[in-house]
Amino acid sequence: MSVIGALGVIAWFGTTWAINAGKRWARPAATVMFVLGTGIGLAGLLTKDTSGATGVPPVLGWAGMTSCLASALAVALLWKRPRST
């Protein structure tokens, strides 16, 4: 999970750079990263192991989902903002 988190941070920094540089692919890339991150977060939160408990303790799972809320806001604002030329 730490590796996935580190890759996510690197990807968001790369997307921030691309947005500031005016790259055309930045908005779709941010949207794809949001969907992937939310899917990974939900998988960790909802996947049950053989004992019937979730693989990640619920507190950690919900804490991981808070970053998805911030990402949702960032992507929404990104699509609302006019595209730079």
N, C-alpha and C. Protein backbone atom coordinates (compact mmCIF):
# COMPACT_ATOMS: atom_id res chain seq x y z
N MET A 1 0.82 -1.18 0.00
CA MET A 1 0.00 0.00 0.00
C MET A 1 0.87 1.25 0.00
N SER A 2 2.03 1.16 0.64
CA SER A 2 2.93 2.32 0.64
C SER A 2 3.44 2.61 -0.77
N VAL A 3 3.73 1.55 -1.52
CA VAL A 3 4.20 1.73 -2.89
C VAL A 3 3.11 2.36 -3.74
N ILE A 4 1.88 1.91 -3.59
CA ILE A 4 0.76 2.48 -4.34
C ILE A 4 0.57 3.94 -3.97
N GLY A 5 0.68 4.25 -2.68
CA GLY A 5 0.56 5.64 -2.24
C GLY A 5 1.67 6.52 -2.82
N ALA A 6 2.90 6.00 -2.81
CA ALA A 6 4.02 6.77 -3.36
C ALA A 6 3.85 6.99 -4.86
N LEU A 7 3.40 5.96 -5.57
CA LEU A 7 3.15 6.13 -7.01
C LEU A 7 2.05 7.16 -7.26
N GLY A 8 1.04 7.16 -6.40
CA GLY A 8 -0.04 8.14 -6.53
C GLY A 8 0.47 9.56 -6.33
N VAL A 9 1.32 9.76 -5.34
CA VAL A 9 1.88 11.09 -5.10
C VAL A 9 2.71 11.55 -6.29
N ILE A 10 3.53 10.66 -6.82
CA ILE A 10 4.35 11.00 -7.99
C ILE A 10 3.46 11.33 -9.18
N ALA A 11 2.41 10.54 -9.39
CA ALA A 11 1.50 10.79 -10.51
C ALA A 11 0.78 12.12 -10.37
N TRP A 12 0.35 12.47 -9.15
CA TRP A 12 -0.34 13.75 -8.97
C TRP A 12 0.62 14.92 -9.16
N PHE A 13 1.87 14.79 -8.72
CA PHE A 13 2.84 15.86 -8.97
C PHE A 13 3.09 16.01 -10.47
N GLY A 14 3.16 14.88 -11.18
CA GLY A 14 3.33 14.94 -12.63
C GLY A 14 2.14 15.60 -13.32
N THR A 15 0.95 15.31 -12.83
CA THR A 15 -0.24 15.91 -13.41
C THR A 15 -0.28 17.41 -13.11
N THR A 16 0.12 17.79 -11.91
CA THR A 16 0.18 19.22 -11.57
C THR A 16 1.13 19.95 -12.51
N TRP A 17 2.28 19.34 -12.76
CA TRP A 17 3.23 19.93 -13.70
C TRP A 17 2.59 20.05 -15.09
N ALA A 18 1.90 18.99 -15.54
CA ALA A 18 1.30 19.00 -16.87
C ALA A 18 0.21 20.06 -16.99
N ILE A 19 -0.56 20.24 -15.95
CA ILE A 19 -1.61 21.26 -15.97
C ILE A 19 -0.99 22.64 -16.06
N ASN A 20 0.03 22.90 -15.26
CA ASN A 20 0.70 24.19 -15.30
C ASN A 20 1.40 24.44 -16.63
N ALA A 21 1.86 23.37 -17.27
CA ALA A 21 2.52 23.49 -18.57
C ALA A 21 1.52 23.58 -19.72
N GLY A 22 0.23 23.41 -19.42
CA GLY A 22 -0.80 23.52 -20.46
C GLY A 22 -0.91 22.30 -21.37
N LYS A 23 -0.52 21.14 -20.88
CA LYS A 23 -0.61 19.92 -21.70
C LYS A 23 -2.07 19.52 -21.90
N ARG A 24 -2.42 19.10 -23.11
CA ARG A 24 -3.80 18.75 -23.44
C ARG A 24 -4.27 17.49 -22.74
N TRP A 25 -3.37 16.61 -22.42
CA TRP A 25 -3.72 15.32 -21.83
C TRP A 25 -3.86 15.38 -20.32
N ALA A 26 -3.63 16.53 -19.71
CA ALA A 26 -3.60 16.62 -18.25
C ALA A 26 -4.97 16.37 -17.61
N ARG A 27 -6.02 16.94 -18.17
CA ARG A 27 -7.35 16.75 -17.58
C ARG A 27 -7.79 15.29 -17.63
N PRO A 28 -7.71 14.64 -18.80
CA PRO A 28 -8.09 13.22 -18.82
C PRO A 28 -7.20 12.36 -17.92
N ALA A 29 -5.91 12.68 -17.84
CA ALA A 29 -5.01 11.91 -16.98
C ALA A 29 -5.40 12.05 -15.52
N ALA A 30 -5.75 13.26 -15.10
CA ALA A 30 -6.18 13.48 -13.72
C ALA A 30 -7.46 12.72 -13.43
N THR A 31 -8.37 12.68 -14.38
CA THR A 31 -9.62 11.96 -14.20
C THR A 31 -9.37 10.46 -14.07
N VAL A 32 -8.51 9.93 -14.92
CA VAL A 32 -8.18 8.50 -14.85
C VAL A 32 -7.51 8.16 -13.53
N MET A 33 -6.60 9.02 -13.08
CA MET A 33 -5.95 8.76 -11.79
C MET A 33 -6.94 8.81 -10.64
N PHE A 34 -7.91 9.72 -10.71
CA PHE A 34 -8.94 9.78 -9.68
C PHE A 34 -9.75 8.49 -9.64
N VAL A 35 -10.16 8.01 -10.81
CA VAL A 35 -10.96 6.78 -10.88
C VAL A 35 -10.15 5.59 -10.37
N LEU A 36 -8.90 5.48 -10.79
CA LEU A 36 -8.05 4.38 -10.33
C LEU A 36 -7.81 4.46 -8.82
N GLY A 37 -7.51 5.64 -8.32
CA GLY A 37 -7.26 5.80 -6.88
C GLY A 37 -8.49 5.49 -6.05
N THR A 38 -9.66 5.92 -6.53
CA THR A 38 -10.89 5.62 -5.81
C THR A 38 -11.18 4.12 -5.83
N GLY A 39 -10.93 3.49 -6.97
CA GLY A 39 -11.12 2.04 -7.06
C GLY A 39 -10.20 1.28 -6.13
N ILE A 40 -8.95 1.69 -6.06
CA ILE A 40 -7.99 1.04 -5.17
C ILE A 40 -8.40 1.26 -3.71
N GLY A 41 -8.81 2.48 -3.39
CA GLY A 41 -9.25 2.78 -2.03
C GLY A 41 -10.47 1.97 -1.63
N LEU A 42 -11.44 1.87 -2.55
CA LEU A 42 -12.64 1.08 -2.25
C LEU A 42 -12.32 -0.40 -2.14
N ALA A 43 -11.41 -0.88 -2.97
CA ALA A 43 -11.02 -2.29 -2.88
C ALA A 43 -10.40 -2.59 -1.51
N GLY A 44 -9.54 -1.70 -1.04
CA GLY A 44 -8.94 -1.91 0.27
C GLY A 44 -9.96 -1.81 1.39
N LEU A 45 -10.95 -0.96 1.19
CA LEU A 45 -11.96 -0.75 2.23
C LEU A 45 -12.97 -1.88 2.28
N LEU A 46 -13.31 -2.46 1.13
CA LEU A 46 -14.42 -3.41 1.06
C LEU A 46 -14.02 -4.87 0.90
N THR A 47 -12.80 -5.17 0.48
CA THR A 47 -12.39 -6.55 0.25
C THR A 47 -12.25 -7.28 1.58
N LYS A 48 -12.87 -8.44 1.65
CA LYS A 48 -12.82 -9.26 2.87
C LYS A 48 -11.79 -10.36 2.70
N ASP A 49 -11.11 -10.70 3.79
CA ASP A 49 -10.16 -11.81 3.74
C ASP A 49 -10.87 -13.09 4.17
N THR A 50 -10.12 -14.16 4.37
CA THR A 50 -10.72 -15.46 4.67
C THR A 50 -11.42 -15.50 6.02
N SER A 51 -11.06 -14.60 6.94
CA SER A 51 -11.72 -14.59 8.25
C SER A 51 -13.05 -13.85 8.21
N GLY A 52 -13.33 -13.17 7.10
CA GLY A 52 -14.56 -12.40 6.99
C GLY A 52 -14.39 -10.94 7.32
N ALA A 53 -13.24 -10.57 7.86
CA ALA A 53 -12.96 -9.16 8.14
C ALA A 53 -12.34 -8.52 6.90
N THR A 54 -12.42 -7.21 6.83
CA THR A 54 -11.80 -6.54 5.69
C THR A 54 -10.29 -6.64 5.81
N GLY A 55 -9.61 -6.61 4.66
CA GLY A 55 -8.15 -6.74 4.64
C GLY A 55 -7.46 -5.58 5.31
N VAL A 56 -8.07 -4.40 5.24
CA VAL A 56 -7.53 -3.20 5.88
C VAL A 56 -8.48 -2.82 7.00
N PRO A 57 -7.98 -2.47 8.18
CA PRO A 57 -8.89 -2.03 9.24
C PRO A 57 -9.75 -0.86 8.75
N PRO A 58 -11.03 -0.84 9.13
CA PRO A 58 -11.94 0.19 8.62
C PRO A 58 -11.44 1.62 8.84
N VAL A 59 -10.80 1.89 9.96
CA VAL A 59 -10.31 3.25 10.20
C VAL A 59 -9.27 3.64 9.16
N LEU A 60 -8.35 2.73 8.85
CA LEU A 60 -7.35 3.01 7.82
C LEU A 60 -7.98 3.11 6.44
N GLY A 61 -8.98 2.26 6.17
CA GLY A 61 -9.66 2.31 4.89
C GLY A 61 -10.36 3.64 4.66
N TRP A 62 -11.07 4.12 5.69
CA TRP A 62 -11.75 5.41 5.56
C TRP A 62 -10.75 6.56 5.51
N ALA A 63 -9.65 6.44 6.22
CA ALA A 63 -8.62 7.47 6.15
C ALA A 63 -8.05 7.55 4.74
N GLY A 64 -7.90 6.40 4.10
CA GLY A 64 -7.43 6.38 2.71
C GLY A 64 -8.42 6.98 1.74
N MET A 65 -9.68 6.89 2.08
CA MET A 65 -10.71 7.45 1.20
C MET A 65 -10.78 8.98 1.28
N THR A 66 -10.24 9.58 2.34
CA THR A 66 -10.27 11.04 2.43
C THR A 66 -9.48 11.70 1.31
N SER A 67 -8.41 11.05 0.88
CA SER A 67 -7.66 11.60 -0.25
C SER A 67 -8.48 11.56 -1.53
N CYS A 68 -9.41 10.61 -1.62
CA CYS A 68 -10.28 10.55 -2.79
C CYS A 68 -11.23 11.74 -2.83
N LEU A 69 -11.64 12.21 -1.66
CA LEU A 69 -12.50 13.41 -1.63
C LEU A 69 -11.74 14.62 -2.13
N ALA A 70 -10.50 14.77 -1.71
CA ALA A 70 -9.68 15.88 -2.18
C ALA A 70 -9.44 15.76 -3.69
N SER A 71 -9.22 14.55 -4.16
CA SER A 71 -9.01 14.33 -5.59
C SER A 71 -10.26 14.65 -6.39
N ALA A 72 -11.43 14.29 -5.86
CA ALA A 72 -12.68 14.58 -6.54
C ALA A 72 -12.87 16.09 -6.69
N LEU A 73 -12.56 16.84 -5.65
CA LEU A 73 -12.67 18.29 -5.70
C LEU A 73 -11.69 18.86 -6.72
N ALA A 74 -10.45 18.35 -6.71
CA ALA A 74 -9.44 18.84 -7.65
C ALA A 74 -9.84 18.58 -9.09
N VAL A 75 -10.35 17.38 -9.38
CA VAL A 75 -10.75 17.04 -10.74
C VAL A 75 -11.96 17.88 -11.16
N ALA A 76 -12.92 18.07 -10.26
CA ALA A 76 -14.08 18.88 -10.59
C ALA A 76 -13.68 20.32 -10.91
N LEU A 77 -12.80 20.89 -10.11
CA LEU A 77 -12.33 22.25 -10.38
C LEU A 77 -11.50 22.31 -11.65
N LEU A 78 -10.77 21.27 -11.92
CA LEU A 78 -9.96 21.22 -13.14
C LEU A 78 -10.83 21.25 -14.38
N TRP A 79 -11.92 20.50 -14.38
CA TRP A 79 -12.80 20.48 -15.55
C TRP A 79 -13.64 21.74 -15.65
N LYS A 80 -13.87 22.39 -14.51
CA LYS A 80 -14.64 23.63 -14.51
C LYS A 80 -13.83 24.80 -15.07
N ARG A 81 -12.54 24.77 -14.80
CA ARG A 81 -11.63 25.84 -15.25
C ARG A 81 -11.49 25.84 -16.76
N PRO A 82 -11.53 26.99 -17.40
CA PRO A 82 -11.35 27.00 -18.86
C PRO A 82 -9.98 26.50 -19.25
N ARG A 83 -9.93 25.81 -20.36
CA ARG A 83 -8.67 25.24 -20.84
C ARG A 83 -7.76 26.35 -21.30
N SER A 84 -6.50 26.31 -20.87
CA SER A 84 -5.55 27.32 -21.31
C SER A 84 -5.12 27.05 -22.74
N THR A 85 -4.79 28.08 -23.46
CA THR A 85 -4.40 27.92 -24.87
C THR A 85 -2.92 28.05 -25.07
